[in-house]
Amino acid sequence: MAKIKILCTSTGAIQFAPERYQKYNIGIVDIHFIFKGVEYLESEMEPEKFYAELEALEDPRNNLPKTAMPTMAEIHAHFDKAVEQGYDTIIAYTISTGLGGTYNAFLNAVKEYDKKIDIHVVNTKIAAFSEGIHAIRAAQMVEDGYTVEEILKESEWAIKNQEFFGIDGKLDYLIYNGRLKGAKAFMGQVLKICPVLHFNRDGEIEPVESVRTQKKALIRLCEKMKEIIGDRDTKDYLLFRIYTGAAMIDLLKEAEAKTGLAPNHENVVMTPVSGCHNGPWLAAYGFYKIRREDESL
């Protein structure tokens, strides 16, 4: 049986997820961010501290935090460690290609390991804990004795069936980062329009609806998730809140009480790299569908 090592980029938030997931010893490949002139590895700063400082940042338009991919040396270090520890195979889960070049950086790094170790790189086509849960599920399957091929097929199915919907409570960072431009940005601010954002099947973020006021957008967010869940049994999916600023959690709970939506997993904060682009006012849901026996791969 192959000895399999699971890796995940730091944007998957595994290092900030519930403690029970730490036992799987998933390797975290840090993405970098530059904030207030200092470069950090993503795991080096607690997200809550980052978002508190981001919200208090003076003149954020001209002092935006920036992100940078892991270096080739850092990726190689993880691969080398797996080789040294006697692993036969690495499965590495990365942030969506729609959000940066990290996946391609991994593919370039793999070329030097053809005769050393078998490496598979998986584009999760998503971010935040919705990315990390794929690596966690893979690690659970490793523990249960599944083969590499079975794990990869299960991951492919889960990626095709995942969902992520969210809102940015304020449009500031969407505008500063160029995701909302021109007339849309102007009208959004004037009319207090709050777009509902979604990861499409190509792993890109797109607005799917525009709703007047934040409270109405949160209600619509809950309604969208209820539509997605349908009559599916709670044991056959994970639904979790993803957030930047903690204040958004209370607002989400108010909307849930009005719509009857009930997450069945703990909240998981969005990591600083993801928050660099969204700002400190994001509220979202990640939906991970667990495949039933009657659902074919």
C-alpha atoms as a PDB file:
ATOM      1  CA  MET A   1       0.000   0.000   0.000  1.00  0.00           C
ATOM      2  CA  ALA A   2       1.321   3.430  -0.969  1.00  0.00           C
ATOM      3  CA  LYS A   3       2.367   5.794   1.801  1.00  0.00           C
ATOM      4  CA  ILE A   4       0.536   9.042   0.938  1.00  0.00           C
ATOM      5  CA  LYS A   5       1.325  12.576   2.123  1.00  0.00           C
ATOM      6  CA  ILE A   6      -1.388  15.244   1.902  1.00  0.00           C
ATOM      7  CA  LEU A   7      -0.457  18.910   1.373  1.00  0.00           C
ATOM      8  CA  CYS A   8      -2.635  22.006   1.167  1.00  0.00           C
ATOM      9  CA  THR A   9      -1.917  25.665   0.538  1.00  0.00           C
ATOM     10  CA  SER A  10      -2.371  27.847   3.615  1.00  0.00           C
ATOM     11  CA  THR A  11      -5.444  29.545   2.140  1.00  0.00           C
ATOM     12  CA  GLY A  12      -7.325  26.325   2.974  1.00  0.00           C
ATOM     13  CA  ALA A  13      -7.425  27.552   6.603  1.00  0.00           C
ATOM     14  CA  ILE A  14      -6.700  24.102   8.065  1.00  0.00           C
ATOM     15  CA  GLN A  15      -4.324  25.726  10.572  1.00  0.00           C
ATOM     16  CA  PHE A  16      -7.252  27.815  11.858  1.00  0.00           C
ATOM     17  CA  ALA A  17      -9.901  25.068  11.666  1.00  0.00           C
ATOM     18  CA  PRO A  18     -11.161  22.903  14.571  1.00  0.00           C
ATOM     19  CA  GLU A  19      -8.439  21.138  16.529  1.00  0.00           C
ATOM     20  CA  ARG A  20      -9.639  17.647  15.596  1.00  0.00           C
ATOM     21  CA  TYR A  21      -8.321  18.132  12.069  1.00  0.00           C
ATOM     22  CA  GLN A  22      -4.750  18.713  13.213  1.00  0.00           C
ATOM     23  CA  LYS A  23      -4.200  15.003  13.875  1.00  0.00           C
ATOM     24  CA  TYR A  24      -3.996  14.305  10.147  1.00  0.00           C
ATOM     25  CA  ASN A  25      -0.635  16.089   9.914  1.00  0.00           C
ATOM     26  CA  ILE A  26      -1.486  17.781   6.631  1.00  0.00           C
ATOM     27  CA  GLY A  27       1.462  19.771   5.297  1.00  0.00           C
ATOM     28  CA  ILE A  28       0.646  23.482   4.999  1.00  0.00           C
ATOM     29  CA  VAL A  29       2.415  25.319   2.168  1.00  0.00           C
ATOM     30  CA  ASP A  30       2.338  28.978   3.113  1.00  0.00           C
ATOM     31  CA  ILE A  31       1.335  31.711   0.695  1.00  0.00           C
ATOM     32  CA  HIS A  32       2.824  35.132   1.514  1.00  0.00           C
ATOM     33  CA  PHE A  33       1.240  38.516   2.123  1.00  0.00           C
ATOM     34  CA  ILE A  34       2.724  41.976   2.538  1.00  0.00           C
ATOM     35  CA  PHE A  35       1.026  44.252   5.056  1.00  0.00           C
ATOM     36  CA  LYS A  36       2.233  47.644   6.296  1.00  0.00           C
ATOM     37  CA  GLY A  37       5.555  47.076   4.560  1.00  0.00           C
ATOM     38  CA  VAL A  38       6.229  43.708   6.231  1.00  0.00           C
ATOM     39  CA  GLU A  39       6.115  40.335   4.436  1.00  0.00           C
ATOM     40  CA  TYR A  40       4.519  37.441   6.320  1.00  0.00           C
ATOM     41  CA  LEU A  41       3.988  33.758   5.770  1.00  0.00           C
ATOM     42  CA  GLU A  42       0.237  33.302   6.032  1.00  0.00           C
ATOM     43  CA  SER A  43       0.401  31.056   9.102  1.00  0.00           C
ATOM     44  CA  GLU A  44       2.425  33.656  11.001  1.00  0.00           C
ATOM     45  CA  MET A  45      -0.432  36.061  11.782  1.00  0.00           C
ATOM     46  CA  GLU A  46      -3.725  35.244  13.466  1.00  0.00           C
ATOM     47  CA  PRO A  47      -6.550  36.237  11.102  1.00  0.00           C
ATOM     48  CA  GLU A  48      -8.471  38.083  13.811  1.00  0.00           C
ATOM     49  CA  LYS A  49      -5.474  40.345  14.423  1.00  0.00           C
ATOM     50  CA  PHE A  50      -5.043  40.931  10.700  1.00  0.00           C
ATOM     51  CA  TYR A  51      -8.693  41.892  10.165  1.00  0.00           C
ATOM     52  CA  ALA A  52      -8.772  44.187  13.169  1.00  0.00           C
ATOM     53  CA  GLU A  53      -5.731  46.032  11.820  1.00  0.00           C
ATOM     54  CA  LEU A  54      -7.150  46.022   8.293  1.00  0.00           C
ATOM     55  CA  GLU A  55     -10.408  47.597   9.447  1.00  0.00           C
ATOM     56  CA  ALA A  56      -8.503  50.342  11.268  1.00  0.00           C
ATOM     57  CA  LEU A  57      -6.133  50.983   8.359  1.00  0.00           C
ATOM     58  CA  GLU A  58      -5.891  54.627   7.349  1.00  0.00           C
ATOM     59  CA  ASP A  59      -6.223  55.323   3.630  1.00  0.00           C
ATOM     60  CA  PRO A  60      -6.661  51.636   2.658  1.00  0.00           C
ATOM     61  CA  ARG A  61      -7.025  52.483  -1.031  1.00  0.00           C
ATOM     62  CA  ASN A  62      -3.356  53.498  -1.131  1.00  0.00           C
ATOM     63  CA  ASN A  63      -2.111  50.952   1.409  1.00  0.00           C
ATOM     64  CA  LEU A  64      -3.646  47.726   0.192  1.00  0.00           C
ATOM     65  CA  PRO A  65      -2.070  44.510   1.461  1.00  0.00           C
ATOM     66  CA  LYS A  66      -0.589  42.390  -1.320  1.00  0.00           C
ATOM     67  CA  THR A  67      -0.085  38.672  -1.785  1.00  0.00           C
ATOM     68  CA  ALA A  68       2.714  36.517  -3.186  1.00  0.00           C
ATOM     69  CA  MET A  69       2.935  32.847  -4.135  1.00  0.00           C
ATOM     70  CA  PRO A  70       5.098  30.395  -2.178  1.00  0.00           C
ATOM     71  CA  THR A  71       8.607  30.291  -3.557  1.00  0.00           C
ATOM     72  CA  MET A  72       9.862  27.308  -5.531  1.00  0.00           C
ATOM     73  CA  ALA A  73      12.290  26.598  -2.688  1.00  0.00           C
ATOM     74  CA  GLU A  74       9.428  26.457  -0.193  1.00  0.00           C
ATOM     75  CA  ILE A  75       7.438  24.042  -2.339  1.00  0.00           C
ATOM     76  CA  HIS A  76      10.546  21.915  -2.879  1.00  0.00           C
ATOM     77  CA  ALA A  77      11.130  21.822   0.877  1.00  0.00           C
ATOM     78  CA  HIS A  78       7.754  20.146   1.391  1.00  0.00           C
ATOM     79  CA  PHE A  79       8.403  17.675  -1.411  1.00  0.00           C
ATOM     80  CA  ASP A  80      11.885  16.909  -0.081  1.00  0.00           C
ATOM     81  CA  LYS A  81      10.557  16.329   3.431  1.00  0.00           C
ATOM     82  CA  ALA A  82       8.013  13.829   2.119  1.00  0.00           C
ATOM     83  CA  VAL A  83      10.776  11.981   0.243  1.00  0.00           C
ATOM     84  CA  GLU A  84      12.967  11.916   3.368  1.00  0.00           C
ATOM     85  CA  GLN A  85      10.076  10.553   5.443  1.00  0.00           C
ATOM     86  CA  GLY A  86       9.574   7.652   3.044  1.00  0.00           C
ATOM     87  CA  TYR A  87       6.338   8.673   1.346  1.00  0.00           C
ATOM     88  CA  ASP A  88       5.579   7.156  -2.060  1.00  0.00           C
ATOM     89  CA  THR A  89       2.997   9.740  -3.125  1.00  0.00           C
ATOM     90  CA  ILE A  90       2.048  13.368  -2.493  1.00  0.00           C
ATOM     91  CA  ILE A  91      -1.415  14.772  -3.161  1.00  0.00           C
ATOM     92  CA  ALA A  92      -1.312  18.580  -2.975  1.00  0.00           C
ATOM     93  CA  TYR A  93      -4.492  20.670  -2.860  1.00  0.00           C
ATOM     94  CA  THR A  94      -4.189  24.302  -3.962  1.00  0.00           C
ATOM     95  CA  ILE A  95      -6.232  27.473  -4.048  1.00  0.00           C
ATOM     96  CA  SER A  96      -8.213  27.999  -7.259  1.00  0.00           C
ATOM     97  CA  THR A  97      -6.324  28.935 -10.409  1.00  0.00           C
ATOM     98  CA  GLY A  98      -8.960  31.634 -10.780  1.00  0.00           C
ATOM     99  CA  LEU A  99      -7.316  33.470  -7.868  1.00  0.00           C
ATOM    100  CA  GLY A 100      -3.640  33.189  -8.712  1.00  0.00           C
ATOM    101  CA  GLY A 101      -0.755  31.141 -10.051  1.00  0.00           C
ATOM    102  CA  THR A 102      -0.010  28.870  -7.093  1.00  0.00           C
ATOM    103  CA  TYR A 103      -1.364  25.735  -8.789  1.00  0.00           C
ATOM    104  CA  ASN A 104       0.908  26.310 -11.788  1.00  0.00           C
ATOM    105  CA  ALA A 105       3.853  26.937  -9.465  1.00  0.00           C
ATOM    106  CA  PHE A 106       3.264  23.491  -7.972  1.00  0.00           C
ATOM    107  CA  LEU A 107       3.094  21.919 -11.418  1.00  0.00           C
ATOM    108  CA  ASN A 108       6.450  23.488 -12.301  1.00  0.00           C
ATOM    109  CA  ALA A 109       7.963  22.199  -9.058  1.00  0.00           C
ATOM    110  CA  VAL A 110       6.737  18.659  -9.759  1.00  0.00           C
ATOM    111  CA  LYS A 111       8.894  18.388 -12.892  1.00  0.00           C
ATOM    112  CA  GLU A 112      12.033  17.933 -10.815  1.00  0.00           C
ATOM    113  CA  TYR A 113      10.653  14.967  -8.863  1.00  0.00           C
ATOM    114  CA  ASP A 114       9.742  12.492 -11.608  1.00  0.00           C
ATOM    115  CA  LYS A 115      12.074   9.783 -10.308  1.00  0.00           C
ATOM    116  CA  LYS A 116      11.854  10.652  -6.610  1.00  0.00           C
ATOM    117  CA  ILE A 117       8.161  10.555  -5.689  1.00  0.00           C
ATOM    118  CA  ASP A 118       4.750  10.427  -7.366  1.00  0.00           C
ATOM    119  CA  ILE A 119       3.033  13.848  -7.032  1.00  0.00           C
ATOM    120  CA  HIS A 120      -0.538  14.831  -7.879  1.00  0.00           C
ATOM    121  CA  VAL A 121      -1.606  18.499  -7.750  1.00  0.00           C
ATOM    122  CA  VAL A 122      -5.317  19.239  -7.377  1.00  0.00           C
ATOM    123  CA  ASN A 123      -6.859  22.581  -8.337  1.00  0.00           C
ATOM    124  CA  THR A 124      -9.712  22.857  -5.815  1.00  0.00           C
ATOM    125  CA  LYS A 125     -11.320  25.680  -7.848  1.00  0.00           C
ATOM    126  CA  ILE A 126     -12.188  27.396  -4.581  1.00  0.00           C
ATOM    127  CA  ALA A 127     -10.594  29.023  -1.519  1.00  0.00           C
ATOM    128  CA  ALA A 128     -10.861  29.351   2.264  1.00  0.00           C
ATOM    129  CA  PHE A 129     -11.972  26.321   4.296  1.00  0.00           C
ATOM    130  CA  SER A 130     -13.887  25.114   1.251  1.00  0.00           C
ATOM    131  CA  GLU A 131     -10.400  24.419  -0.153  1.00  0.00           C
ATOM    132  CA  GLY A 132      -9.063  22.922   3.060  1.00  0.00           C
ATOM    133  CA  ILE A 133     -11.912  20.451   3.536  1.00  0.00           C
ATOM    134  CA  HIS A 134     -10.819  18.636   0.356  1.00  0.00           C
ATOM    135  CA  ALA A 135      -7.389  18.008   1.873  1.00  0.00           C
ATOM    136  CA  ILE A 136      -8.944  16.930   5.173  1.00  0.00           C
ATOM    137  CA  ARG A 137     -11.252  14.480   3.444  1.00  0.00           C
ATOM    138  CA  ALA A 138      -8.278  13.097   1.486  1.00  0.00           C
ATOM    139  CA  ALA A 139      -6.320  12.622   4.715  1.00  0.00           C
ATOM    140  CA  GLN A 140      -9.275  10.765   6.237  1.00  0.00           C
ATOM    141  CA  MET A 141      -9.383   8.494   3.214  1.00  0.00           C
ATOM    142  CA  VAL A 142      -5.643   7.837   3.538  1.00  0.00           C
ATOM    143  CA  GLU A 143      -6.241   6.815   7.147  1.00  0.00           C
ATOM    144  CA  ASP A 144      -9.044   4.484   6.021  1.00  0.00           C
ATOM    145  CA  GLY A 145      -6.795   2.749   3.487  1.00  0.00           C
ATOM    146  CA  TYR A 146      -8.111   4.140   0.188  1.00  0.00           C
ATOM    147  CA  THR A 147      -5.844   4.135  -2.863  1.00  0.00           C
ATOM    148  CA  VAL A 148      -4.467   7.237  -4.564  1.00  0.00           C
ATOM    149  CA  GLU A 149      -6.816   6.711  -7.514  1.00  0.00           C
ATOM    150  CA  GLU A 150      -9.855   6.431  -5.236  1.00  0.00           C
ATOM    151  CA  ILE A 151      -8.913   9.596  -3.358  1.00  0.00           C
ATOM    152  CA  LEU A 152      -8.402  11.577  -6.563  1.00  0.00           C
ATOM    153  CA  LYS A 153     -11.731  10.429  -8.011  1.00  0.00           C
ATOM    154  CA  GLU A 154     -13.547  11.344  -4.796  1.00  0.00           C
ATOM    155  CA  SER A 155     -11.894  14.762  -4.797  1.00  0.00           C
ATOM    156  CA  GLU A 156     -12.887  15.337  -8.414  1.00  0.00           C
ATOM    157  CA  TRP A 157     -16.522  14.524  -7.591  1.00  0.00           C
ATOM    158  CA  ALA A 158     -16.534  16.772  -4.518  1.00  0.00           C
ATOM    159  CA  ILE A 159     -15.026  19.698  -6.452  1.00  0.00           C
ATOM    160  CA  LYS A 160     -17.725  19.385  -9.113  1.00  0.00           C
ATOM    161  CA  ASN A 161     -20.418  19.501  -6.430  1.00  0.00           C
ATOM    162  CA  GLN A 162     -19.070  22.166  -4.062  1.00  0.00           C
ATOM    163  CA  GLU A 163     -20.667  25.570  -3.489  1.00  0.00           C
ATOM    164  CA  PHE A 164     -19.513  28.883  -2.027  1.00  0.00           C
ATOM    165  CA  PHE A 165     -21.771  31.921  -1.722  1.00  0.00           C
ATOM    166  CA  GLY A 166     -20.983  35.089   0.170  1.00  0.00           C
ATOM    167  CA  ILE A 167     -21.330  38.840   0.447  1.00  0.00           C
ATOM    168  CA  ASP A 168     -18.966  41.681   1.270  1.00  0.00           C
ATOM    169  CA  GLY A 169     -20.708  43.852   3.827  1.00  0.00           C
ATOM    170  CA  LYS A 170     -18.931  46.877   2.386  1.00  0.00           C
ATOM    171  CA  LEU A 171     -17.821  47.259  -1.212  1.00  0.00           C
ATOM    172  CA  ASP A 172     -14.612  49.132  -0.385  1.00  0.00           C
ATOM    173  CA  TYR A 173     -12.080  46.370  -0.997  1.00  0.00           C
ATOM    174  CA  LEU A 174     -13.897  44.988  -4.037  1.00  0.00           C
ATOM    175  CA  ILE A 175     -13.571  48.458  -5.532  1.00  0.00           C
ATOM    176  CA  TYR A 176      -9.980  49.064  -4.382  1.00  0.00           C
ATOM    177  CA  ASN A 177      -8.875  45.723  -5.867  1.00  0.00           C
ATOM    178  CA  GLY A 178     -10.637  46.385  -9.165  1.00  0.00           C
ATOM    179  CA  ARG A 179     -13.261  43.643  -8.889  1.00  0.00           C
ATOM    180  CA  LEU A 180     -16.045  46.195  -8.971  1.00  0.00           C
ATOM    181  CA  LYS A 181     -15.457  49.082 -11.378  1.00  0.00           C
ATOM    182  CA  GLY A 182     -16.987  52.196 -12.921  1.00  0.00           C
ATOM    183  CA  ALA A 183     -20.742  52.585 -12.845  1.00  0.00           C
ATOM    184  CA  LYS A 184     -21.253  49.372 -10.855  1.00  0.00           C
ATOM    185  CA  ALA A 185     -18.952  50.619  -8.117  1.00  0.00           C
ATOM    186  CA  PHE A 186     -20.555  54.076  -8.062  1.00  0.00           C
ATOM    187  CA  MET A 187     -24.133  52.791  -8.024  1.00  0.00           C
ATOM    188  CA  GLY A 188     -23.258  50.141  -5.481  1.00  0.00           C
ATOM    189  CA  GLN A 189     -22.039  52.762  -3.038  1.00  0.00           C
ATOM    190  CA  VAL A 190     -24.825  55.269  -3.701  1.00  0.00           C
ATOM    191  CA  LEU A 191     -27.690  52.757  -3.649  1.00  0.00           C
ATOM    192  CA  LYS A 192     -26.112  50.528  -0.989  1.00  0.00           C
ATOM    193  CA  ILE A 193     -26.278  47.535  -3.303  1.00  0.00           C
ATOM    194  CA  CYS A 194     -24.683  44.403  -1.877  1.00  0.00           C
ATOM    195  CA  PRO A 195     -23.731  41.762  -4.488  1.00  0.00           C
ATOM    196  CA  VAL A 196     -24.064  38.063  -3.720  1.00  0.00           C
ATOM    197  CA  LEU A 197     -20.778  36.472  -4.803  1.00  0.00           C
ATOM    198  CA  HIS A 198     -20.237  32.908  -5.988  1.00  0.00           C
ATOM    199  CA  PHE A 199     -17.402  30.637  -7.095  1.00  0.00           C
ATOM    200  CA  ASN A 200     -18.325  29.381 -10.563  1.00  0.00           C
ATOM    201  CA  ARG A 201     -17.318  25.956 -11.907  1.00  0.00           C
ATOM    202  CA  ASP A 202     -14.083  27.377 -13.309  1.00  0.00           C
ATOM    203  CA  GLY A 203     -13.047  28.566  -9.855  1.00  0.00           C
ATOM    204  CA  GLU A 204     -13.625  32.243 -10.496  1.00  0.00           C
ATOM    205  CA  ILE A 205     -15.570  34.628  -8.269  1.00  0.00           C
ATOM    206  CA  GLU A 206     -18.554  36.271  -9.913  1.00  0.00           C
ATOM    207  CA  PRO A 207     -21.541  38.290  -8.705  1.00  0.00           C
ATOM    208  CA  VAL A 208     -24.763  36.360  -9.235  1.00  0.00           C
ATOM    209  CA  GLU A 209     -27.290  38.799  -7.785  1.00  0.00           C
ATOM    210  CA  SER A 210     -27.381  42.415  -6.620  1.00  0.00           C
ATOM    211  CA  VAL A 211     -29.497  43.079  -3.542  1.00  0.00           C
ATOM    212  CA  ARG A 212     -30.401  46.365  -1.886  1.00  0.00           C
ATOM    213  CA  THR A 213     -28.978  46.618   1.654  1.00  0.00           C
ATOM    214  CA  GLN A 214     -26.760  44.273   3.600  1.00  0.00           C
ATOM    215  CA  LYS A 215     -29.554  42.690   5.649  1.00  0.00           C
ATOM    216  CA  LYS A 216     -31.544  41.735   2.558  1.00  0.00           C
ATOM    217  CA  ALA A 217     -28.393  40.303   0.965  1.00  0.00           C
ATOM    218  CA  LEU A 218     -27.770  38.127   4.016  1.00  0.00           C
ATOM    219  CA  ILE A 219     -31.329  36.834   3.841  1.00  0.00           C
ATOM    220  CA  ARG A 220     -30.855  36.046   0.143  1.00  0.00           C
ATOM    221  CA  LEU A 221     -27.582  34.302   0.977  1.00  0.00           C
ATOM    222  CA  CYS A 222     -29.398  31.995   3.399  1.00  0.00           C
ATOM    223  CA  GLU A 223     -32.171  31.354   0.885  1.00  0.00           C
ATOM    224  CA  LYS A 224     -29.601  30.366  -1.763  1.00  0.00           C
ATOM    225  CA  MET A 225     -28.038  27.840   0.590  1.00  0.00           C
ATOM    226  CA  LYS A 226     -31.422  26.357   1.484  1.00  0.00           C
ATOM    227  CA  GLU A 227     -32.142  25.931  -2.231  1.00  0.00           C
ATOM    228  CA  ILE A 228     -28.813  24.123  -2.686  1.00  0.00           C
ATOM    229  CA  ILE A 229     -29.354  21.801   0.288  1.00  0.00           C
ATOM    230  CA  GLY A 230     -32.926  20.949  -0.661  1.00  0.00           C
ATOM    231  CA  ASP A 231     -34.059  17.801   1.138  1.00  0.00           C
ATOM    232  CA  ARG A 232     -30.552  16.352   1.448  1.00  0.00           C
ATOM    233  CA  ASP A 233     -29.913  14.689   4.824  1.00  0.00           C
ATOM    234  CA  THR A 234     -27.553  16.575   7.160  1.00  0.00           C
ATOM    235  CA  LYS A 235     -25.176  13.583   7.296  1.00  0.00           C
ATOM    236  CA  ASP A 236     -24.609  13.955   3.546  1.00  0.00           C
ATOM    237  CA  TYR A 237     -23.122  17.453   3.547  1.00  0.00           C
ATOM    238  CA  LEU A 238     -21.140  19.977   5.561  1.00  0.00           C
ATOM    239  CA  LEU A 239     -22.345  23.574   5.731  1.00  0.00           C
ATOM    240  CA  PHE A 240     -20.072  26.082   7.437  1.00  0.00           C
ATOM    241  CA  ARG A 241     -19.844  29.827   7.875  1.00  0.00           C
ATOM    242  CA  ILE A 242     -16.747  31.559   6.484  1.00  0.00           C
ATOM    243  CA  TYR A 243     -15.988  35.079   7.626  1.00  0.00           C
ATOM    244  CA  THR A 244     -13.405  37.811   7.911  1.00  0.00           C
ATOM    245  CA  GLY A 245     -14.622  40.320  10.489  1.00  0.00           C
ATOM    246  CA  ALA A 246     -16.219  38.492  13.435  1.00  0.00           C
ATOM    247  CA  ALA A 247     -19.127  40.967  13.555  1.00  0.00           C
ATOM    248  CA  MET A 248     -20.486  39.403  10.363  1.00  0.00           C
ATOM    249  CA  ILE A 249     -21.183  36.129  12.194  1.00  0.00           C
ATOM    250  CA  ASP A 250     -23.857  37.724  14.380  1.00  0.00           C
ATOM    251  CA  LEU A 251     -25.525  39.200  11.296  1.00  0.00           C
ATOM    252  CA  LEU A 252     -25.458  35.788   9.592  1.00  0.00           C
ATOM    253  CA  LYS A 253     -27.092  34.169  12.612  1.00  0.00           C
ATOM    254  CA  GLU A 254     -29.892  36.745  12.538  1.00  0.00           C
ATOM    255  CA  ALA A 255     -30.561  35.921   8.887  1.00  0.00           C
ATOM    256  CA  GLU A 256     -30.469  32.181   9.648  1.00  0.00           C
ATOM    257  CA  ALA A 257     -33.075  32.603  12.385  1.00  0.00           C
ATOM    258  CA  LYS A 258     -35.402  34.273   9.881  1.00  0.00           C
ATOM    259  CA  THR A 259     -34.906  31.678   7.141  1.00  0.00           C
ATOM    260  CA  GLY A 260     -34.435  28.463   9.122  1.00  0.00           C
ATOM    261  CA  LEU A 261     -30.961  27.752   7.745  1.00  0.00           C
ATOM    262  CA  ALA A 262     -28.823  25.641  10.109  1.00  0.00           C
ATOM    263  CA  PRO A 263     -25.074  25.130   9.502  1.00  0.00           C
ATOM    264  CA  ASN A 264     -23.829  21.761  10.788  1.00  0.00           C
ATOM    265  CA  HIS A 265     -20.111  22.576  11.103  1.00  0.00           C
ATOM    266  CA  GLU A 266     -18.132  25.105  13.107  1.00  0.00           C
ATOM    267  CA  ASN A 267     -17.323  28.559  11.716  1.00  0.00           C
ATOM    268  CA  VAL A 268     -13.902  28.882  10.065  1.00  0.00           C
ATOM    269  CA  VAL A 269     -12.216  32.251   9.593  1.00  0.00           C
ATOM    270  CA  MET A 270     -10.901  33.225   6.167  1.00  0.00           C
ATOM    271  CA  THR A 271      -7.111  33.445   6.059  1.00  0.00           C
ATOM    272  CA  PRO A 272      -5.259  36.761   5.587  1.00  0.00           C
ATOM    273  CA  VAL A 273      -4.288  36.105   1.952  1.00  0.00           C
ATOM    274  CA  SER A 274      -7.942  35.671   0.970  1.00  0.00           C
ATOM    275  CA  GLY A 275      -8.896  38.616   3.149  1.00  0.00           C
ATOM    276  CA  CYS A 276      -6.416  40.889   1.390  1.00  0.00           C
ATOM    277  CA  HIS A 277      -8.803  40.921  -1.568  1.00  0.00           C
ATOM    278  CA  ASN A 278     -12.134  40.834   0.261  1.00  0.00           C
ATOM    279  CA  GLY A 279     -11.518  43.113   3.219  1.00  0.00           C
ATOM    280  CA  PRO A 280     -12.715  42.662   6.813  1.00  0.00           C
ATOM    281  CA  TRP A 281     -16.477  42.473   6.166  1.00  0.00           C
ATOM    282  CA  LEU A 282     -17.026  39.194   4.339  1.00  0.00           C
ATOM    283  CA  ALA A 283     -19.720  36.677   5.314  1.00  0.00           C
ATOM    284  CA  ALA A 284     -20.049  33.455   3.346  1.00  0.00           C
ATOM    285  CA  TYR A 285     -21.107  29.810   3.368  1.00  0.00           C
ATOM    286  CA  GLY A 286     -19.109  26.840   2.220  1.00  0.00           C
ATOM    287  CA  PHE A 287     -21.035  23.727   1.170  1.00  0.00           C
ATOM    288  CA  TYR A 288     -19.234  20.388   0.882  1.00  0.00           C
ATOM    289  CA  LYS A 289     -21.359  17.561  -0.463  1.00  0.00           C
ATOM    290  CA  ILE A 290     -20.587  14.119   0.959  1.00  0.00           C
ATOM    291  CA  ARG A 291     -21.171  11.478  -1.705  1.00  0.00           C
ATOM    292  CA  ARG A 292     -23.847   8.903  -0.933  1.00  0.00           C
ATOM    293  CA  GLU A 293     -23.596   5.287  -2.048  1.00  0.00           C
ATOM    294  CA  ASP A 294     -26.314   5.863  -4.638  1.00  0.00           C
ATOM    295  CA  GLU A 295     -24.314   8.726  -6.250  1.00  0.00           C
ATOM    296  CA  SER A 296     -21.805   7.529  -8.799  1.00  0.00           C
ATOM    297  CA  LEU A 297     -18.390   9.077  -9.323  1.00  0.00           C
END
